[in-house]
Amino acid sequence: MTRSKAAIFRSDLQRQFQSISELVAYLGHADAAMATDPAEWHRNLIRALADISEAAQKAETSLSVNAVKTKALTPTEVSRAARITRNAVYKRIAAEDK
């Protein structure tokens, strides 16, 4: 039996959330472990935050596109929720369709 597209999407999104959660946990460990070396502390926290930002952006983009394609939200509603322009929403949809 095949899983529905919605179930597959939700599973993928949950994996992305788990990845973000693991990065946040790493951030806490790096903060404690590198506290004695200021350069290494800054370097590790910056990298971890950049990784979290990238993962969150991917999840948000995927969720935005899915919301419009499934008609859960209109492009205007997505643009307001994501704090982006409607044009950016349409660009995301076009990029995923390629």
PDB file of N, CA and C in Angstrom:
ATOM      1  N   MET A   1       0.842  -1.175   0.000  1.00  0.00           N
ATOM      2  CA  MET A   1       0.000   0.000   0.000  1.00  0.00           C
ATOM      3  C   MET A   1       0.894   1.247   0.000  1.00  0.00           C
ATOM      4  N   THR A   2       0.590   2.169  -0.873  1.00  0.00           N
ATOM      5  CA  THR A   2       1.403   3.379  -0.975  1.00  0.00           C
ATOM      6  C   THR A   2       0.877   4.445  -0.024  1.00  0.00           C
ATOM      7  N   ARG A   3       1.817   5.218   0.466  1.00  0.00           N
ATOM      8  CA  ARG A   3       1.437   6.314   1.356  1.00  0.00           C
ATOM      9  C   ARG A   3       1.007   7.517   0.530  1.00  0.00           C
ATOM     10  N   SER A   4       0.131   8.309   1.084  1.00  0.00           N
ATOM     11  CA  SER A   4      -0.345   9.492   0.374  1.00  0.00           C
ATOM     12  C   SER A   4       0.762  10.542   0.312  1.00  0.00           C
ATOM     13  N   LYS A   5       0.620  11.462  -0.622  1.00  0.00           N
ATOM     14  CA  LYS A   5       1.594  12.553  -0.753  1.00  0.00           C
ATOM     15  C   LYS A   5       1.653  13.367   0.529  1.00  0.00           C
ATOM     16  N   ALA A   6       0.503  13.576   1.157  1.00  0.00           N
ATOM     17  CA  ALA A   6       0.467  14.352   2.404  1.00  0.00           C
ATOM     18  C   ALA A   6       1.252  13.653   3.506  1.00  0.00           C
ATOM     19  N   ALA A   7       1.115  12.330   3.599  1.00  0.00           N
ATOM     20  CA  ALA A   7       1.842  11.575   4.627  1.00  0.00           C
ATOM     21  C   ALA A   7       3.342  11.604   4.363  1.00  0.00           C
ATOM     22  N   ILE A   8       3.724  11.495   3.116  1.00  0.00           N
ATOM     23  CA  ILE A   8       5.143  11.551   2.750  1.00  0.00           C
ATOM     24  C   ILE A   8       5.702  12.930   3.057  1.00  0.00           C
ATOM     25  N   PHE A   9       4.949  13.974   2.696  1.00  0.00           N
ATOM     26  CA  PHE A   9       5.396  15.341   2.967  1.00  0.00           C
ATOM     27  C   PHE A   9       5.559  15.558   4.462  1.00  0.00           C
ATOM     28  N   ARG A  10       4.568  15.121   5.230  1.00  0.00           N
ATOM     29  CA  ARG A  10       4.617  15.303   6.685  1.00  0.00           C
ATOM     30  C   ARG A  10       5.813  14.559   7.283  1.00  0.00           C
ATOM     31  N   SER A  11       6.092  13.381   6.785  1.00  0.00           N
ATOM     32  CA  SER A  11       7.234  12.599   7.261  1.00  0.00           C
ATOM     33  C   SER A  11       8.548  13.316   6.944  1.00  0.00           C
ATOM     34  N   ASP A  12       8.661  13.850   5.745  1.00  0.00           N
ATOM     35  CA  ASP A  12       9.862  14.605   5.359  1.00  0.00           C
ATOM     36  C   ASP A  12      10.028  15.848   6.234  1.00  0.00           C
ATOM     37  N   LEU A  13       8.927  16.526   6.490  1.00  0.00           N
ATOM     38  CA  LEU A  13       8.974  17.720   7.325  1.00  0.00           C
ATOM     39  C   LEU A  13       9.375  17.372   8.761  1.00  0.00           C
ATOM     40  N   GLN A  14       8.878  16.253   9.262  1.00  0.00           N
ATOM     41  CA  GLN A  14       9.260  15.817  10.608  1.00  0.00           C
ATOM     42  C   GLN A  14      10.755  15.512  10.686  1.00  0.00           C
ATOM     43  N   ARG A  15      11.306  14.948   9.622  1.00  0.00           N
ATOM     44  CA  ARG A  15      12.757  14.700   9.575  1.00  0.00           C
ATOM     45  C   ARG A  15      13.524  16.021   9.604  1.00  0.00           C
ATOM     46  N   GLN A  16      13.021  17.010   8.887  1.00  0.00           N
ATOM     47  CA  GLN A  16      13.666  18.320   8.898  1.00  0.00           C
ATOM     48  C   GLN A  16      13.601  18.937  10.291  1.00  0.00           C
ATOM     49  N   PHE A  17      12.465  18.796  10.966  1.00  0.00           N
ATOM     50  CA  PHE A  17      12.338  19.311  12.334  1.00  0.00           C
ATOM     51  C   PHE A  17      13.304  18.592  13.274  1.00  0.00           C
ATOM     52  N   GLN A  18      13.449  17.278  13.095  1.00  0.00           N
ATOM     53  CA  GLN A  18      14.369  16.508  13.924  1.00  0.00           C
ATOM     54  C   GLN A  18      15.803  16.983  13.702  1.00  0.00           C
ATOM     55  N   SER A  19      16.143  17.266  12.462  1.00  0.00           N
ATOM     56  CA  SER A  19      17.475  17.770  12.140  1.00  0.00           C
ATOM     57  C   SER A  19      17.731  19.112  12.837  1.00  0.00           C
ATOM     58  N   ILE A  20      16.733  19.986  12.804  1.00  0.00           N
ATOM     59  CA  ILE A  20      16.861  21.288  13.477  1.00  0.00           C
ATOM     60  C   ILE A  20      17.019  21.083  14.974  1.00  0.00           C
ATOM     61  N   SER A  21      16.250  20.171  15.530  1.00  0.00           N
ATOM     62  CA  SER A  21      16.329  19.873  16.959  1.00  0.00           C
ATOM     63  C   SER A  21      17.726  19.373  17.343  1.00  0.00           C
ATOM     64  N   GLU A  22      18.299  18.511  16.513  1.00  0.00           N
ATOM     65  CA  GLU A  22      19.648  17.998  16.771  1.00  0.00           C
ATOM     66  C   GLU A  22      20.688  19.115  16.683  1.00  0.00           C
ATOM     67  N   LEU A  23      20.507  20.030  15.746  1.00  0.00           N
ATOM     68  CA  LEU A  23      21.420  21.162  15.630  1.00  0.00           C
ATOM     69  C   LEU A  23      21.327  22.081  16.850  1.00  0.00           C
ATOM     70  N   VAL A  24      20.126  22.274  17.358  1.00  0.00           N
ATOM     71  CA  VAL A  24      19.953  23.097  18.558  1.00  0.00           C
ATOM     72  C   VAL A  24      20.623  22.416  19.756  1.00  0.00           C
ATOM     73  N   ALA A  25      20.487  21.093  19.844  1.00  0.00           N
ATOM     74  CA  ALA A  25      21.142  20.354  20.932  1.00  0.00           C
ATOM     75  C   ALA A  25      22.659  20.484  20.814  1.00  0.00           C
ATOM     76  N   TYR A  26      23.170  20.393  19.583  1.00  0.00           N
ATOM     77  CA  TYR A  26      24.611  20.552  19.373  1.00  0.00           C
ATOM     78  C   TYR A  26      25.061  21.943  19.802  1.00  0.00           C
ATOM     79  N   LEU A  27      24.245  22.931  19.508  1.00  0.00           N
ATOM     80  CA  LEU A  27      24.558  24.310  19.890  1.00  0.00           C
ATOM     81  C   LEU A  27      24.773  24.413  21.398  1.00  0.00           C
ATOM     82  N   GLY A  28      23.909  23.771  22.162  1.00  0.00           N
ATOM     83  CA  GLY A  28      24.047  23.785  23.614  1.00  0.00           C
ATOM     84  C   GLY A  28      25.310  23.087  24.082  1.00  0.00           C
ATOM     85  N   HIS A  29      25.629  21.962  23.450  1.00  0.00           N
ATOM     86  CA  HIS A  29      26.845  21.231  23.819  1.00  0.00           C
ATOM     87  C   HIS A  29      28.099  22.012  23.434  1.00  0.00           C
ATOM     88  N   ALA A  30      28.078  22.614  22.261  1.00  0.00           N
ATOM     89  CA  ALA A  30      29.237  23.387  21.805  1.00  0.00           C
ATOM     90  C   ALA A  30      29.463  24.595  22.710  1.00  0.00           C
ATOM     91  N   ASP A  31      28.386  25.198  23.151  1.00  0.00           N
ATOM     92  CA  ASP A  31      28.488  26.347  24.050  1.00  0.00           C
ATOM     93  C   ASP A  31      29.225  25.945  25.327  1.00  0.00           C
ATOM     94  N   ALA A  32      28.844  24.822  25.884  1.00  0.00           N
ATOM     95  CA  ALA A  32      29.469  24.371  27.127  1.00  0.00           C
ATOM     96  C   ALA A  32      30.895  23.877  26.905  1.00  0.00           C
ATOM     97  N   ALA A  33      31.107  23.134  25.826  1.00  0.00           N
ATOM     98  CA  ALA A  33      32.412  22.515  25.589  1.00  0.00           C
ATOM     99  C   ALA A  33      33.487  23.514  25.198  1.00  0.00           C
ATOM    100  N   MET A  34      33.115  24.568  24.522  1.00  0.00           N
ATOM    101  CA  MET A  34      34.091  25.518  23.995  1.00  0.00           C
ATOM    102  C   MET A  34      34.204  26.790  24.837  1.00  0.00           C
ATOM    103  N   ALA A  35      33.615  26.787  26.011  1.00  0.00           N
ATOM    104  CA  ALA A  35      33.565  27.997  26.831  1.00  0.00           C
ATOM    105  C   ALA A  35      34.944  28.540  27.201  1.00  0.00           C
ATOM    106  N   THR A  36      35.953  27.683  27.239  1.00  0.00           N
ATOM    107  CA  THR A  36      37.281  28.141  27.655  1.00  0.00           C
ATOM    108  C   THR A  36      38.101  28.723  26.508  1.00  0.00           C
ATOM    109  N   ASP A  37      37.679  28.500  25.269  1.00  0.00           N
ATOM    110  CA  ASP A  37      38.415  29.001  24.099  1.00  0.00           C
ATOM    111  C   ASP A  37      37.497  29.947  23.322  1.00  0.00           C
ATOM    112  N   PRO A  38      37.662  31.260  23.513  1.00  0.00           N
ATOM    113  CA  PRO A  38      36.738  32.212  22.882  1.00  0.00           C
ATOM    114  C   PRO A  38      36.665  32.110  21.353  1.00  0.00           C
ATOM    115  N   ALA A  39      37.791  31.895  20.705  1.00  0.00           N
ATOM    116  CA  ALA A  39      37.777  31.813  19.236  1.00  0.00           C
ATOM    117  C   ALA A  39      36.994  30.584  18.775  1.00  0.00           C
ATOM    118  N   GLU A  40      37.254  29.451  19.396  1.00  0.00           N
ATOM    119  CA  GLU A  40      36.563  28.214  19.023  1.00  0.00           C
ATOM    120  C   GLU A  40      35.085  28.283  19.411  1.00  0.00           C
ATOM    121  N   TRP A  41      34.798  28.932  20.535  1.00  0.00           N
ATOM    122  CA  TRP A  41      33.413  29.104  20.973  1.00  0.00           C
ATOM    123  C   TRP A  41      32.626  29.898  19.928  1.00  0.00           C
ATOM    124  N   HIS A  42      33.173  31.025  19.504  1.00  0.00           N
ATOM    125  CA  HIS A  42      32.496  31.839  18.484  1.00  0.00           C
ATOM    126  C   HIS A  42      32.351  31.076  17.169  1.00  0.00           C
ATOM    127  N   ARG A  43      33.432  30.450  16.734  1.00  0.00           N
ATOM    128  CA  ARG A  43      33.424  29.718  15.472  1.00  0.00           C
ATOM    129  C   ARG A  43      32.335  28.633  15.464  1.00  0.00           C
ATOM    130  N   ASN A  44      32.278  27.827  16.523  1.00  0.00           N
ATOM    131  CA  ASN A  44      31.313  26.737  16.580  1.00  0.00           C
ATOM    132  C   ASN A  44      29.872  27.231  16.692  1.00  0.00           C
ATOM    133  N   LEU A  45      29.648  28.269  17.477  1.00  0.00           N
ATOM    134  CA  LEU A  45      28.294  28.790  17.605  1.00  0.00           C
ATOM    135  C   LEU A  45      27.816  29.431  16.306  1.00  0.00           C
ATOM    136  N   ILE A  46      28.699  30.148  15.636  1.00  0.00           N
ATOM    137  CA  ILE A  46      28.338  30.747  14.348  1.00  0.00           C
ATOM    138  C   ILE A  46      27.988  29.664  13.336  1.00  0.00           C
ATOM    139  N   ARG A  47      28.808  28.617  13.259  1.00  0.00           N
ATOM    140  CA  ARG A  47      28.525  27.517  12.320  1.00  0.00           C
ATOM    141  C   ARG A  47      27.201  26.839  12.651  1.00  0.00           C
ATOM    142  N   ALA A  48      26.988  26.559  13.929  1.00  0.00           N
ATOM    143  CA  ALA A  48      25.750  25.883  14.333  1.00  0.00           C
ATOM    144  C   ALA A  48      24.532  26.745  14.013  1.00  0.00           C
ATOM    145  N   LEU A  49      24.604  28.039  14.301  1.00  0.00           N
ATOM    146  CA  LEU A  49      23.487  28.928  14.000  1.00  0.00           C
ATOM    147  C   LEU A  49      23.250  29.045  12.493  1.00  0.00           C
ATOM    148  N   ALA A  50      24.320  29.068  11.712  1.00  0.00           N
ATOM    149  CA  ALA A  50      24.178  29.109  10.253  1.00  0.00           C
ATOM    150  C   ALA A  50      23.508  27.835   9.743  1.00  0.00           C
ATOM    151  N   ASP A  51      23.882  26.695  10.316  1.00  0.00           N
ATOM    152  CA  ASP A  51      23.262  25.424   9.924  1.00  0.00           C
ATOM    153  C   ASP A  51      21.786  25.389  10.309  1.00  0.00           C
ATOM    154  N   ILE A  52      21.464  25.903  11.487  1.00  0.00           N
ATOM    155  CA  ILE A  52      20.067  25.965  11.934  1.00  0.00           C
ATOM    156  C   ILE A  52      19.269  26.874  11.002  1.00  0.00           C
ATOM    157  N   SER A  53      19.843  28.013  10.665  1.00  0.00           N
ATOM    158  CA  SER A  53      19.177  28.960   9.773  1.00  0.00           C
ATOM    159  C   SER A  53      18.888  28.330   8.410  1.00  0.00           C
ATOM    160  N   GLU A  54      19.870  27.632   7.874  1.00  0.00           N
ATOM    161  CA  GLU A  54      19.705  26.984   6.570  1.00  0.00           C
ATOM    162  C   GLU A  54      18.628  25.899   6.624  1.00  0.00           C
ATOM    163  N   ALA A  55      18.650  25.082   7.658  1.00  0.00           N
ATOM    164  CA  ALA A  55      17.666  24.014   7.795  1.00  0.00           C
ATOM    165  C   ALA A  55      16.259  24.587   7.978  1.00  0.00           C
ATOM    166  N   ALA A  56      16.143  25.638   8.775  1.00  0.00           N
ATOM    167  CA  ALA A  56      14.839  26.264   8.994  1.00  0.00           C
ATOM    168  C   ALA A  56      14.318  26.902   7.702  1.00  0.00           C
ATOM    169  N   GLN A  57      15.200  27.514   6.940  1.00  0.00           N
ATOM    170  CA  GLN A  57      14.792  28.134   5.675  1.00  0.00           C
ATOM    171  C   GLN A  57      14.286  27.075   4.699  1.00  0.00           C
ATOM    172  N   LYS A  58      14.967  25.933   4.625  1.00  0.00           N
ATOM    173  CA  LYS A  58      14.518  24.849   3.741  1.00  0.00           C
ATOM    174  C   LYS A  58      13.136  24.353   4.153  1.00  0.00           C
ATOM    175  N   ALA A  59      12.945  24.152   5.445  1.00  0.00           N
ATOM    176  CA  ALA A  59      11.655  23.668   5.938  1.00  0.00           C
ATOM    177  C   ALA A  59      10.555  24.693   5.668  1.00  0.00           C
ATOM    178  N   GLU A  60      10.840  25.956   5.904  1.00  0.00           N
ATOM    179  CA  GLU A  60       9.847  27.006   5.694  1.00  0.00           C
ATOM    180  C   GLU A  60       9.483  27.124   4.218  1.00  0.00           C
ATOM    181  N   THR A  61      10.468  27.025   3.344  1.00  0.00           N
ATOM    182  CA  THR A  61      10.204  27.092   1.907  1.00  0.00           C
ATOM    183  C   THR A  61       9.341  25.919   1.457  1.00  0.00           C
ATOM    184  N   SER A  62       9.702  24.737   1.898  1.00  0.00           N
ATOM    185  CA  SER A  62       8.947  23.542   1.546  1.00  0.00           C
ATOM    186  C   SER A  62       7.507  23.633   2.044  1.00  0.00           C
ATOM    187  N   LEU A  63       7.339  24.080   3.259  1.00  0.00           N
ATOM    188  CA  LEU A  63       6.007  24.208   3.845  1.00  0.00           C
ATOM    189  C   LEU A  63       5.190  25.286   3.123  1.00  0.00           C
ATOM    190  N   SER A  64       5.819  26.376   2.753  1.00  0.00           N
ATOM    191  CA  SER A  64       5.131  27.448   2.025  1.00  0.00           C
ATOM    192  C   SER A  64       4.613  26.966   0.685  1.00  0.00           C
ATOM    193  N   VAL A  65       5.467  26.289  -0.051  1.00  0.00           N
ATOM    194  CA  VAL A  65       5.073  25.781  -1.367  1.00  0.00           C
ATOM    195  C   VAL A  65       3.932  24.773  -1.225  1.00  0.00           C
ATOM    196  N   ASN A  66       4.067  23.881  -0.254  1.00  0.00           N
ATOM    197  CA  ASN A  66       3.035  22.868  -0.038  1.00  0.00           C
ATOM    198  C   ASN A  66       1.707  23.517   0.350  1.00  0.00           C
ATOM    199  N   ALA A  67       1.752  24.547   1.169  1.00  0.00           N
ATOM    200  CA  ALA A  67       0.521  25.223   1.595  1.00  0.00           C
ATOM    201  C   ALA A  67      -0.239  25.803   0.408  1.00  0.00           C
ATOM    202  N   VAL A  68       0.488  26.373  -0.544  1.00  0.00           N
ATOM    203  CA  VAL A  68      -0.165  26.953  -1.725  1.00  0.00           C
ATOM    204  C   VAL A  68      -0.648  25.848  -2.665  1.00  0.00           C
ATOM    205  N   LYS A  69       0.208  24.847  -2.899  1.00  0.00           N
ATOM    206  CA  LYS A  69      -0.170  23.780  -3.834  1.00  0.00           C
ATOM    207  C   LYS A  69      -1.368  22.976  -3.349  1.00  0.00           C
ATOM    208  N   THR A  70      -1.482  22.781  -2.046  1.00  0.00           N
ATOM    209  CA  THR A  70      -2.618  22.025  -1.507  1.00  0.00           C
ATOM    210  C   THR A  70      -3.814  22.924  -1.196  1.00  0.00           C
ATOM    211  N   LYS A  71      -3.638  24.210  -1.454  1.00  0.00           N
ATOM    212  CA  LYS A  71      -4.677  25.221  -1.224  1.00  0.00           C
ATOM    213  C   LYS A  71      -5.064  25.335   0.252  1.00  0.00           C
ATOM    214  N   ALA A  72      -4.131  24.982   1.126  1.00  0.00           N
ATOM    215  CA  ALA A  72      -4.360  25.185   2.562  1.00  0.00           C
ATOM    216  C   ALA A  72      -4.310  26.675   2.880  1.00  0.00           C
ATOM    217  N   LEU A  73      -3.441  27.384   2.154  1.00  0.00           N
ATOM    218  CA  LEU A  73      -3.323  28.836   2.287  1.00  0.00           C
ATOM    219  C   LEU A  73      -3.212  29.453   0.901  1.00  0.00           C
ATOM    220  N   THR A  74      -3.599  30.703   0.800  1.00  0.00           N
ATOM    221  CA  THR A  74      -3.414  31.437  -0.449  1.00  0.00           C
ATOM    222  C   THR A  74      -1.989  31.993  -0.475  1.00  0.00           C
ATOM    223  N   PRO A  75      -1.496  32.382  -1.649  1.00  0.00           N
ATOM    224  CA  PRO A  75      -0.179  33.019  -1.700  1.00  0.00           C
ATOM    225  C   PRO A  75      -0.081  34.248  -0.796  1.00  0.00           C
ATOM    226  N   THR A  76      -1.168  35.002  -0.675  1.00  0.00           N
ATOM    227  CA  THR A  76      -1.163  36.174   0.192  1.00  0.00           C
ATOM    228  C   THR A  76      -0.993  35.760   1.656  1.00  0.00           C
ATOM    229  N   GLU A  77      -1.699  34.711   2.069  1.00  0.00           N
ATOM    230  CA  GLU A  77      -1.587  34.239   3.450  1.00  0.00           C
ATOM    231  C   GLU A  77      -0.183  33.703   3.745  1.00  0.00           C
ATOM    232  N   VAL A  78       0.385  33.000   2.778  1.00  0.00           N
ATOM    233  CA  VAL A  78       1.754  32.492   2.949  1.00  0.00           C
ATOM    234  C   VAL A  78       2.729  33.651   3.049  1.00  0.00           C
ATOM    235  N   SER A  79       2.562  34.642   2.183  1.00  0.00           N
ATOM    236  CA  SER A  79       3.498  35.776   2.206  1.00  0.00           C
ATOM    237  C   SER A  79       3.435  36.516   3.538  1.00  0.00           C
ATOM    238  N   ARG A  80       2.260  36.633   4.098  1.00  0.00           N
ATOM    239  CA  ARG A  80       2.128  37.294   5.409  1.00  0.00           C
ATOM    240  C   ARG A  80       2.762  36.451   6.510  1.00  0.00           C
ATOM    241  N   ALA A  81       2.500  35.146   6.495  1.00  0.00           N
ATOM    242  CA  ALA A  81       3.038  34.263   7.537  1.00  0.00           C
ATOM    243  C   ALA A  81       4.558  34.169   7.464  1.00  0.00           C
ATOM    244  N   ALA A  82       5.089  34.142   6.243  1.00  0.00           N
ATOM    245  CA  ALA A  82       6.539  33.995   6.060  1.00  0.00           C
ATOM    246  C   ALA A  82       7.268  35.335   6.031  1.00  0.00           C
ATOM    247  N   ARG A  83       6.494  36.416   6.060  1.00  0.00           N
ATOM    248  CA  ARG A  83       7.069  37.773   5.992  1.00  0.00           C
ATOM    249  C   ARG A  83       7.894  37.969   4.716  1.00  0.00           C
ATOM    250  N   ILE A  84       7.326  37.519   3.617  1.00  0.00           N
ATOM    251  CA  ILE A  84       7.956  37.686   2.304  1.00  0.00           C
ATOM    252  C   ILE A  84       6.912  38.253   1.354  1.00  0.00           C
ATOM    253  N   THR A  85       7.344  38.654   0.160  1.00  0.00           N
ATOM    254  CA  THR A  85       6.399  39.184  -0.825  1.00  0.00           C
ATOM    255  C   THR A  85       5.674  38.039  -1.521  1.00  0.00           C
ATOM    256  N   ARG A  86       4.538  38.359  -2.094  1.00  0.00           N
ATOM    257  CA  ARG A  86       3.813  37.346  -2.879  1.00  0.00           C
ATOM    258  C   ARG A  86       4.669  36.879  -4.047  1.00  0.00           C
ATOM    259  N   ASN A  87       5.428  37.797  -4.620  1.00  0.00           N
ATOM    260  CA  ASN A  87       6.298  37.432  -5.728  1.00  0.00           C
ATOM    261  C   ASN A  87       7.297  36.363  -5.293  1.00  0.00           C
ATOM    262  N   ALA A  88       7.812  36.472  -4.082  1.00  0.00           N
ATOM    263  CA  ALA A  88       8.752  35.469  -3.569  1.00  0.00           C
ATOM    264  C   ALA A  88       8.071  34.111  -3.431  1.00  0.00           C
ATOM    265  N   VAL A  89       6.802  34.113  -3.050  1.00  0.00           N
ATOM    266  CA  VAL A  89       6.050  32.861  -2.950  1.00  0.00           C
ATOM    267  C   VAL A  89       5.953  32.214  -4.328  1.00  0.00           C
ATOM    268  N   TYR A  90       5.593  32.998  -5.337  1.00  0.00           N
ATOM    269  CA  TYR A  90       5.474  32.461  -6.692  1.00  0.00           C
ATOM    270  C   TYR A  90       6.820  31.960  -7.211  1.00  0.00           C
ATOM    271  N   LYS A  91       7.902  32.645  -6.865  1.00  0.00           N
ATOM    272  CA  LYS A  91       9.236  32.203  -7.285  1.00  0.00           C
ATOM    273  C   LYS A  91       9.579  30.854  -6.649  1.00  0.00           C
ATOM    274  N   ARG A  92       9.208  30.680  -5.391  1.00  0.00           N
ATOM    275  CA  ARG A  92       9.466  29.403  -4.720  1.00  0.00           C
ATOM    276  C   ARG A  92       8.715  28.278  -5.401  1.00  0.00           C
ATOM    277  N   ILE A  93       7.474  28.531  -5.747  1.00  0.00           N
ATOM    278  CA  ILE A  93       6.664  27.513  -6.403  1.00  0.00           C
ATOM    279  C   ILE A  93       7.270  27.169  -7.761  1.00  0.00           C
ATOM    280  N   ALA A  94       7.657  28.195  -8.507  1.00  0.00           N
ATOM    281  CA  ALA A  94       8.258  27.965  -9.831  1.00  0.00           C
ATOM    282  C   ALA A  94       9.563  27.205  -9.704  1.00  0.00           C
ATOM    283  N   ALA A  95      10.359  27.508  -8.698  1.00  0.00           N
ATOM    284  CA  ALA A  95      11.649  26.827  -8.510  1.00  0.00           C
ATOM    285  C   ALA A  95      11.433  25.359  -8.178  1.00  0.00           C
ATOM    286  N   GLU A  96      10.404  25.048  -7.416  1.00  0.00           N
ATOM    287  CA  GLU A  96      10.154  23.650  -7.063  1.00  0.00           C
ATOM    288  C   GLU A  96       9.580  22.872  -8.244  1.00  0.00           C
ATOM    289  N   ASP A  97       8.875  23.549  -9.131  1.00  0.00           N
ATOM    290  CA  ASP A  97       8.278  22.887 -10.289  1.00  0.00           C
ATOM    291  C   ASP A  97       9.313  22.519 -11.351  1.00  0.00           C
ATOM    292  N   LYS A  98      10.493  23.098 -11.268  1.00  0.00           N
ATOM    293  CA  LYS A  98      11.525  22.824 -12.293  1.00  0.00           C
ATOM    294  C   LYS A  98      12.102  21.459 -12.134  1.00  0.00           C
TER     295      LYS A  98
END
